[in-house]
């Protein structure tokens, strides 16, 4: 639940800082081309030609999650 989301956001903030990952959604060239136009965070289903994985799923609160990553980013 929420505790796992917070732990994940904290870890992602640490990784974003360590690897200079923008705290935004990743953008790909097209729905058929997985070339990264701008780096960021995404789920499997966001990646063109990703295969059959759908995690974290349609109900995942990405905007909220990225806001929490940004919050923790300021603390690491």
PDB file of N, CA and C in Angstrom:
ATOM      1  N   UNK A   1       0.781  -1.169   0.000  1.00  0.00           N
ATOM      2  CA  UNK A   1       0.000   0.000   0.000  1.00  0.00           C
ATOM      3  C   UNK A   1       0.837   1.253   0.000  1.00  0.00           C
ATOM      4  N   UNK A   2       0.376   2.188   0.779  1.00  0.00           N
ATOM      5  CA  UNK A   2       1.000   3.514   0.808  1.00  0.00           C
ATOM      6  C   UNK A   2       2.441   3.468   1.325  1.00  0.00           C
ATOM      7  N   UNK A   3       2.717   2.609   2.312  1.00  0.00           N
ATOM      8  CA  UNK A   3       4.086   2.511   2.850  1.00  0.00           C
ATOM      9  C   UNK A   3       5.059   2.054   1.763  1.00  0.00           C
ATOM     10  N   UNK A   4       4.639   1.092   0.943  1.00  0.00           N
ATOM     11  CA  UNK A   4       5.500   0.609  -0.141  1.00  0.00           C
ATOM     12  C   UNK A   4       5.720   1.700  -1.183  1.00  0.00           C
ATOM     13  N   UNK A   5       4.679   2.477  -1.469  1.00  0.00           N
ATOM     14  CA  UNK A   5       4.798   3.577  -2.422  1.00  0.00           C
ATOM     15  C   UNK A   5       5.808   4.608  -1.911  1.00  0.00           C
ATOM     16  N   UNK A   6       5.750   4.906  -0.624  1.00  0.00           N
ATOM     17  CA  UNK A   6       6.687   5.881  -0.042  1.00  0.00           C
ATOM     18  C   UNK A   6       8.123   5.358  -0.093  1.00  0.00           C
ATOM     19  N   UNK A   7       8.310   4.072   0.241  1.00  0.00           N
ATOM     20  CA  UNK A   7       9.657   3.493   0.168  1.00  0.00           C
ATOM     21  C   UNK A   7      10.178   3.509  -1.267  1.00  0.00           C
ATOM     22  N   UNK A   8       9.319   3.205  -2.211  1.00  0.00           N
ATOM     23  CA  UNK A   8       9.711   3.221  -3.623  1.00  0.00           C
ATOM     24  C   UNK A   8      10.060   4.627  -4.077  1.00  0.00           C
ATOM     25  N   UNK A   9       9.287   5.613  -3.650  1.00  0.00           N
ATOM     26  CA  UNK A   9       9.558   7.004  -4.019  1.00  0.00           C
ATOM     27  C   UNK A   9      10.894   7.463  -3.445  1.00  0.00           C
ATOM     28  N   UNK A  10      11.177   7.065  -2.219  1.00  0.00           N
ATOM     29  CA  UNK A  10      12.452   7.434  -1.591  1.00  0.00           C
ATOM     30  C   UNK A  10      13.621   6.801  -2.345  1.00  0.00           C
ATOM     31  N   UNK A  11      13.500   5.521  -2.691  1.00  0.00           N
ATOM     32  CA  UNK A  11      14.549   4.851  -3.460  1.00  0.00           C
ATOM     33  C   UNK A  11      14.732   5.519  -4.820  1.00  0.00           C
ATOM     34  N   UNK A  12      13.637   5.825  -5.489  1.00  0.00           N
ATOM     35  CA  UNK A  12      13.726   6.477  -6.804  1.00  0.00           C
ATOM     36  C   UNK A  12      14.358   7.855  -6.705  1.00  0.00           C
ATOM     37  N   UNK A  13      14.114   8.568  -5.626  1.00  0.00           N
ATOM     38  CA  UNK A  13      14.746   9.875  -5.424  1.00  0.00           C
ATOM     39  C   UNK A  13      16.258   9.712  -5.295  1.00  0.00           C
ATOM     40  N   UNK A  14      16.679   8.697  -4.551  1.00  0.00           N
ATOM     41  CA  UNK A  14      18.111   8.445  -4.400  1.00  0.00           C
ATOM     42  C   UNK A  14      18.741   8.074  -5.735  1.00  0.00           C
ATOM     43  N   UNK A  15      18.065   7.234  -6.514  1.00  0.00           N
ATOM     44  CA  UNK A  15      18.570   6.843  -7.824  1.00  0.00           C
ATOM     45  C   UNK A  15      18.569   8.016  -8.799  1.00  0.00           C
ATOM     46  N   UNK A  16      17.534   8.850  -8.724  1.00  0.00           N
ATOM     47  CA  UNK A  16      17.466  10.030  -9.592  1.00  0.00           C
ATOM     48  C   UNK A  16      18.640  10.951  -9.332  1.00  0.00           C
ATOM     49  N   UNK A  17      18.971  11.132  -8.070  1.00  0.00           N
ATOM     50  CA  UNK A  17      20.101  11.996  -7.722  1.00  0.00           C
ATOM     51  C   UNK A  17      21.412  11.360  -8.177  1.00  0.00           C
ATOM     52  N   UNK A  18      21.583  10.075  -7.893  1.00  0.00           N
ATOM     53  CA  UNK A  18      22.833   9.378  -8.214  1.00  0.00           C
ATOM     54  C   UNK A  18      23.092   9.302  -9.714  1.00  0.00           C
ATOM     55  N   UNK A  19      22.026   9.086 -10.495  1.00  0.00           N
ATOM     56  CA  UNK A  19      22.193   8.873 -11.927  1.00  0.00           C
ATOM     57  C   UNK A  19      21.647  10.011 -12.790  1.00  0.00           C
ATOM     58  N   UNK A  20      21.327  11.140 -12.192  1.00  0.00           N
ATOM     59  CA  UNK A  20      20.814  12.324 -12.912  1.00  0.00           C
ATOM     60  C   UNK A  20      19.589  11.992 -13.766  1.00  0.00           C
ATOM     61  N   UNK A  21      18.636  11.292 -13.156  1.00  0.00           N
ATOM     62  CA  UNK A  21      17.392  10.946 -13.848  1.00  0.00           C
ATOM     63  C   UNK A  21      16.375  12.052 -13.572  1.00  0.00           C
ATOM     64  N   UNK A  22      15.824  12.665 -14.621  1.00  0.00           N
ATOM     65  CA  UNK A  22      14.805  13.698 -14.405  1.00  0.00           C
ATOM     66  C   UNK A  22      13.577  13.110 -13.709  1.00  0.00           C
ATOM     67  N   UNK A  23      12.993  13.869 -12.812  1.00  0.00           N
ATOM     68  CA  UNK A  23      11.796  13.412 -12.110  1.00  0.00           C
ATOM     69  C   UNK A  23      10.586  13.838 -12.926  1.00  0.00           C
ATOM     70  N   UNK A  24      10.382  13.091 -14.002  1.00  0.00           N
ATOM     71  CA  UNK A  24       9.271  13.312 -14.918  1.00  0.00           C
ATOM     72  C   UNK A  24       9.027  12.000 -15.649  1.00  0.00           C
ATOM     73  N   UNK A  25       7.989  11.969 -16.454  1.00  0.00           N
ATOM     74  CA  UNK A  25       7.703  10.781 -17.244  1.00  0.00           C
ATOM     75  C   UNK A  25       8.674  10.706 -18.414  1.00  0.00           C
ATOM     76  N   UNK A  26       9.181   9.534 -18.691  1.00  0.00           N
ATOM     77  CA  UNK A  26      10.031   9.325 -19.861  1.00  0.00           C
ATOM     78  C   UNK A  26       9.189   9.503 -21.124  1.00  0.00           C
ATOM     79  N   UNK A  27       9.843   9.967 -22.179  1.00  0.00           N
ATOM     80  CA  UNK A  27       9.160  10.154 -23.464  1.00  0.00           C
ATOM     81  C   UNK A  27       9.919   9.337 -24.515  1.00  0.00           C
ATOM     82  N   UNK A  28       9.167   8.579 -25.312  1.00  0.00           N
ATOM     83  CA  UNK A  28       9.747   7.743 -26.349  1.00  0.00           C
ATOM     84  C   UNK A  28       9.403   8.309 -27.721  1.00  0.00           C
ATOM     85  N   UNK A  29      10.191   7.932 -28.726  1.00  0.00           N
ATOM     86  CA  UNK A  29      10.027   8.496 -30.061  1.00  0.00           C
ATOM     87  C   UNK A  29       8.620   8.302 -30.626  1.00  0.00           C
ATOM     88  N   UNK A  30       8.085   7.101 -30.501  1.00  0.00           N
ATOM     89  CA  UNK A  30       6.717   6.841 -30.947  1.00  0.00           C
ATOM     90  C   UNK A  30       6.220   5.579 -30.266  1.00  0.00           C
ATOM     91  N   UNK A  31       4.954   5.249 -30.468  1.00  0.00           N
ATOM     92  CA  UNK A  31       4.426   4.045 -29.824  1.00  0.00           C
ATOM     93  C   UNK A  31       5.024   2.774 -30.410  1.00  0.00           C
ATOM     94  N   UNK A  32       5.734   2.901 -31.525  1.00  0.00           N
ATOM     95  CA  UNK A  32       6.399   1.752 -32.137  1.00  0.00           C
ATOM     96  C   UNK A  32       7.922   1.835 -32.084  1.00  0.00           C
ATOM     97  N   UNK A  33       8.450   2.927 -31.541  1.00  0.00           N
ATOM     98  CA  UNK A  33       9.905   3.133 -31.500  1.00  0.00           C
ATOM     99  C   UNK A  33      10.340   3.441 -30.072  1.00  0.00           C
ATOM    100  N   UNK A  34      11.087   2.521 -29.439  1.00  0.00           N
ATOM    101  CA  UNK A  34      11.482   2.706 -28.042  1.00  0.00           C
ATOM    102  C   UNK A  34      12.655   3.662 -27.826  1.00  0.00           C
ATOM    103  N   UNK A  35      13.060   4.385 -28.870  1.00  0.00           N
ATOM    104  CA  UNK A  35      14.130   5.361 -28.700  1.00  0.00           C
ATOM    105  C   UNK A  35      13.699   6.416 -27.684  1.00  0.00           C
ATOM    106  N   UNK A  36      14.554   6.665 -26.694  1.00  0.00           N
ATOM    107  CA  UNK A  36      14.230   7.629 -25.639  1.00  0.00           C
ATOM    108  C   UNK A  36      14.448   9.050 -26.161  1.00  0.00           C
ATOM    109  N   UNK A  37      13.396   9.844 -26.098  1.00  0.00           N
ATOM    110  CA  UNK A  37      13.472  11.259 -26.479  1.00  0.00           C
ATOM    111  C   UNK A  37      13.886  12.075 -25.258  1.00  0.00           C
ATOM    112  N   UNK A  38      13.290  11.774 -24.099  1.00  0.00           N
ATOM    113  CA  UNK A  38      13.719  12.401 -22.850  1.00  0.00           C
ATOM    114  C   UNK A  38      13.601  11.378 -21.723  1.00  0.00           C
ATOM    115  N   UNK A  39      14.650  11.324 -20.926  1.00  0.00           N
ATOM    116  CA  UNK A  39      14.728  10.362 -19.831  1.00  0.00           C
ATOM    117  C   UNK A  39      13.733  10.687 -18.741  1.00  0.00           C
ATOM    118  N   UNK A  40      13.460   9.697 -17.919  1.00  0.00           N
ATOM    119  CA  UNK A  40      12.562   9.877 -16.795  1.00  0.00           C
ATOM    120  C   UNK A  40      12.080   8.526 -16.310  1.00  0.00           C
ATOM    121  N   UNK A  41      10.941   8.516 -15.659  1.00  0.00           N
ATOM    122  CA  UNK A  41      10.368   7.301 -15.096  1.00  0.00           C
ATOM    123  C   UNK A  41       9.231   6.811 -15.974  1.00  0.00           C
ATOM    124  N   UNK A  42       9.071   5.486 -16.017  1.00  0.00           N
ATOM    125  CA  UNK A  42       7.991   4.897 -16.804  1.00  0.00           C
ATOM    126  C   UNK A  42       7.688   3.504 -16.282  1.00  0.00           C
ATOM    127  N   UNK A  43       6.564   2.987 -16.711  1.00  0.00           N
ATOM    128  CA  UNK A  43       6.207   1.605 -16.436  1.00  0.00           C
ATOM    129  C   UNK A  43       6.497   0.768 -17.663  1.00  0.00           C
ATOM    130  N   UNK A  44       6.442  -0.555 -17.515  1.00  0.00           N
ATOM    131  CA  UNK A  44       6.684  -1.419 -18.665  1.00  0.00           C
ATOM    132  C   UNK A  44       5.763  -1.089 -19.831  1.00  0.00           C
ATOM    133  N   UNK A  45       4.486  -0.867 -19.535  1.00  0.00           N
ATOM    134  CA  UNK A  45       3.513  -0.621 -20.593  1.00  0.00           C
ATOM    135  C   UNK A  45       3.774   0.685 -21.342  1.00  0.00           C
ATOM    136  N   UNK A  46       4.555   1.588 -20.749  1.00  0.00           N
ATOM    137  CA  UNK A  46       4.874   2.855 -21.409  1.00  0.00           C
ATOM    138  C   UNK A  46       5.940   2.693 -22.490  1.00  0.00           C
ATOM    139  N   UNK A  47       6.733   1.627 -22.398  1.00  0.00           N
ATOM    140  CA  UNK A  47       7.857   1.418 -23.311  1.00  0.00           C
ATOM    141  C   UNK A  47       7.373   0.725 -24.579  1.00  0.00           C
ATOM    142  N   UNK A  48       7.590   1.359 -25.738  1.00  0.00           N
ATOM    143  CA  UNK A  48       7.186   0.721 -26.989  1.00  0.00           C
ATOM    144  C   UNK A  48       7.855  -0.646 -27.146  1.00  0.00           C
ATOM    145  N   UNK A  49       7.090  -1.612 -27.633  1.00  0.00           N
ATOM    146  CA  UNK A  49       7.579  -2.978 -27.848  1.00  0.00           C
ATOM    147  C   UNK A  49       8.116  -3.584 -26.557  1.00  0.00           C
ATOM    148  N   UNK A  50       7.438  -3.304 -25.454  1.00  0.00           N
ATOM    149  CA  UNK A  50       7.895  -3.731 -24.128  1.00  0.00           C
ATOM    150  C   UNK A  50       7.637  -5.189 -23.838  1.00  0.00           C
ATOM    151  N   UNK A  51       6.820  -5.843 -24.594  1.00  0.00           N
ATOM    152  CA  UNK A  51       6.462  -7.229 -24.304  1.00  0.00           C
ATOM    153  C   UNK A  51       5.128  -7.300 -23.603  1.00  0.00           C
ATOM    154  N   UNK A  52       4.953  -8.306 -22.766  1.00  0.00           N
ATOM    155  CA  UNK A  52       3.645  -8.545 -22.167  1.00  0.00           C
ATOM    156  C   UNK A  52       3.495  -7.973 -20.757  1.00  0.00           C
ATOM    157  N   UNK A  53       4.538  -7.387 -20.198  1.00  0.00           N
ATOM    158  CA  UNK A  53       4.441  -6.828 -18.844  1.00  0.00           C
ATOM    159  C   UNK A  53       3.568  -5.575 -18.850  1.00  0.00           C
ATOM    160  N   UNK A  54       2.755  -5.424 -17.815  1.00  0.00           N
ATOM    161  CA  UNK A  54       1.888  -4.239 -17.726  1.00  0.00           C
ATOM    162  C   UNK A  54       2.101  -3.473 -16.423  1.00  0.00           C
ATOM    163  N   UNK A  55       3.048  -3.920 -15.609  1.00  0.00           N
ATOM    164  CA  UNK A  55       3.254  -3.258 -14.326  1.00  0.00           C
ATOM    165  C   UNK A  55       3.841  -1.855 -14.512  1.00  0.00           C
ATOM    166  N   UNK A  56       3.499  -0.928 -13.693  1.00  0.00           N
ATOM    167  CA  UNK A  56       2.768  -1.081 -12.450  1.00  0.00           C
ATOM    168  C   UNK A  56       1.252  -1.080 -12.612  1.00  0.00           C
ATOM    169  N   UNK A  57       0.748  -1.006 -13.806  1.00  0.00           N
ATOM    170  CA  UNK A  57      -0.702  -1.102 -14.035  1.00  0.00           C
ATOM    171  C   UNK A  57      -1.354   0.251 -14.256  1.00  0.00           C
ATOM    172  N   UNK A  58      -2.539   0.225 -14.824  1.00  0.00           N
ATOM    173  CA  UNK A  58      -3.264   1.449 -15.180  1.00  0.00           C
ATOM    174  C   UNK A  58      -3.680   2.279 -13.967  1.00  0.00           C
ATOM    175  N   UNK A  59      -3.867   1.635 -12.827  1.00  0.00           N
ATOM    176  CA  UNK A  59      -4.302   2.358 -11.632  1.00  0.00           C
ATOM    177  C   UNK A  59      -3.166   2.982 -10.834  1.00  0.00           C
ATOM    178  N   UNK A  60      -1.914   2.819 -11.297  1.00  0.00           N
ATOM    179  CA  UNK A  60      -0.786   3.365 -10.551  1.00  0.00           C
ATOM    180  C   UNK A  60      -0.836   4.895 -10.569  1.00  0.00           C
ATOM    181  N   UNK A  61      -0.729   5.538  -9.404  1.00  0.00           N
ATOM    182  CA  UNK A  61      -0.822   7.011  -9.333  1.00  0.00           C
ATOM    183  C   UNK A  61       0.500   7.696  -9.702  1.00  0.00           C
ATOM    184  N   UNK A  62       0.853   7.683 -11.005  1.00  0.00           N
ATOM    185  CA  UNK A  62       2.154   8.181 -11.431  1.00  0.00           C
ATOM    186  C   UNK A  62       2.405   9.640 -11.037  1.00  0.00           C
ATOM    187  N   UNK A  63       1.423  10.510 -11.199  1.00  0.00           N
ATOM    188  CA  UNK A  63       1.622  11.923 -10.854  1.00  0.00           C
ATOM    189  C   UNK A  63       1.911  12.077  -9.357  1.00  0.00           C
ATOM    190  N   UNK A  64       1.151  11.383  -8.544  1.00  0.00           N
ATOM    191  CA  UNK A  64       1.372  11.418  -7.103  1.00  0.00           C
ATOM    192  C   UNK A  64       2.748  10.847  -6.772  1.00  0.00           C
ATOM    193  N   UNK A  65       3.078   9.713  -7.392  1.00  0.00           N
ATOM    194  CA  UNK A  65       4.360   9.070  -7.144  1.00  0.00           C
ATOM    195  C   UNK A  65       5.523  10.011  -7.482  1.00  0.00           C
ATOM    196  N   UNK A  66       5.473  10.650  -8.640  1.00  0.00           N
ATOM    197  CA  UNK A  66       6.553  11.562  -9.024  1.00  0.00           C
ATOM    198  C   UNK A  66       6.628  12.768  -8.084  1.00  0.00           C
ATOM    199  N   UNK A  67       5.501  13.218  -7.568  1.00  0.00           N
ATOM    200  CA  UNK A  67       5.509  14.301  -6.573  1.00  0.00           C
ATOM    201  C   UNK A  67       6.219  13.841  -5.305  1.00  0.00           C
ATOM    202  N   UNK A  68       6.000  12.588  -4.908  1.00  0.00           N
ATOM    203  CA  UNK A  68       6.677  12.042  -3.726  1.00  0.00           C
ATOM    204  C   UNK A  68       8.172  11.859  -3.997  1.00  0.00           C
ATOM    205  N   UNK A  69       8.531  11.453  -5.203  1.00  0.00           N
ATOM    206  CA  UNK A  69       9.958  11.338  -5.576  1.00  0.00           C
ATOM    207  C   UNK A  69      10.604  12.716  -5.470  1.00  0.00           C
ATOM    208  N   UNK A  70       9.926  13.736  -5.999  1.00  0.00           N
ATOM    209  CA  UNK A  70      10.455  15.106  -5.909  1.00  0.00           C
ATOM    210  C   UNK A  70      10.616  15.538  -4.462  1.00  0.00           C
ATOM    211  N   UNK A  71       9.664  15.215  -3.610  1.00  0.00           N
ATOM    212  CA  UNK A  71       9.741  15.546  -2.192  1.00  0.00           C
ATOM    213  C   UNK A  71      10.990  14.922  -1.563  1.00  0.00           C
ATOM    214  N   UNK A  72      11.201  13.629  -1.787  1.00  0.00           N
ATOM    215  CA  UNK A  72      12.345  12.947  -1.200  1.00  0.00           C
ATOM    216  C   UNK A  72      13.660  13.387  -1.836  1.00  0.00           C
ATOM    217  N   UNK A  73      13.621  13.773  -3.103  1.00  0.00           N
ATOM    218  CA  UNK A  73      14.822  14.249  -3.802  1.00  0.00           C
ATOM    219  C   UNK A  73      15.430  15.436  -3.050  1.00  0.00           C
ATOM    220  N   UNK A  74      14.580  16.280  -2.520  1.00  0.00           N
ATOM    221  CA  UNK A  74      15.056  17.438  -1.761  1.00  0.00           C
ATOM    222  C   UNK A  74      15.658  17.082  -0.432  1.00  0.00           C
ATOM    223  N   UNK A  75      15.514  15.829  -0.006  1.00  0.00           N
ATOM    224  CA  UNK A  75      16.030  15.404   1.293  1.00  0.00           C
ATOM    225  C   UNK A  75      17.277  14.527   1.179  1.00  0.00           C
ATOM    226  N   UNK A  76      17.639  14.105  -0.029  1.00  0.00           N
ATOM    227  CA  UNK A  76      18.818  13.242  -0.169  1.00  0.00           C
ATOM    228  C   UNK A  76      20.023  14.012  -0.656  1.00  0.00           C
TER     229      UNK A  76
END
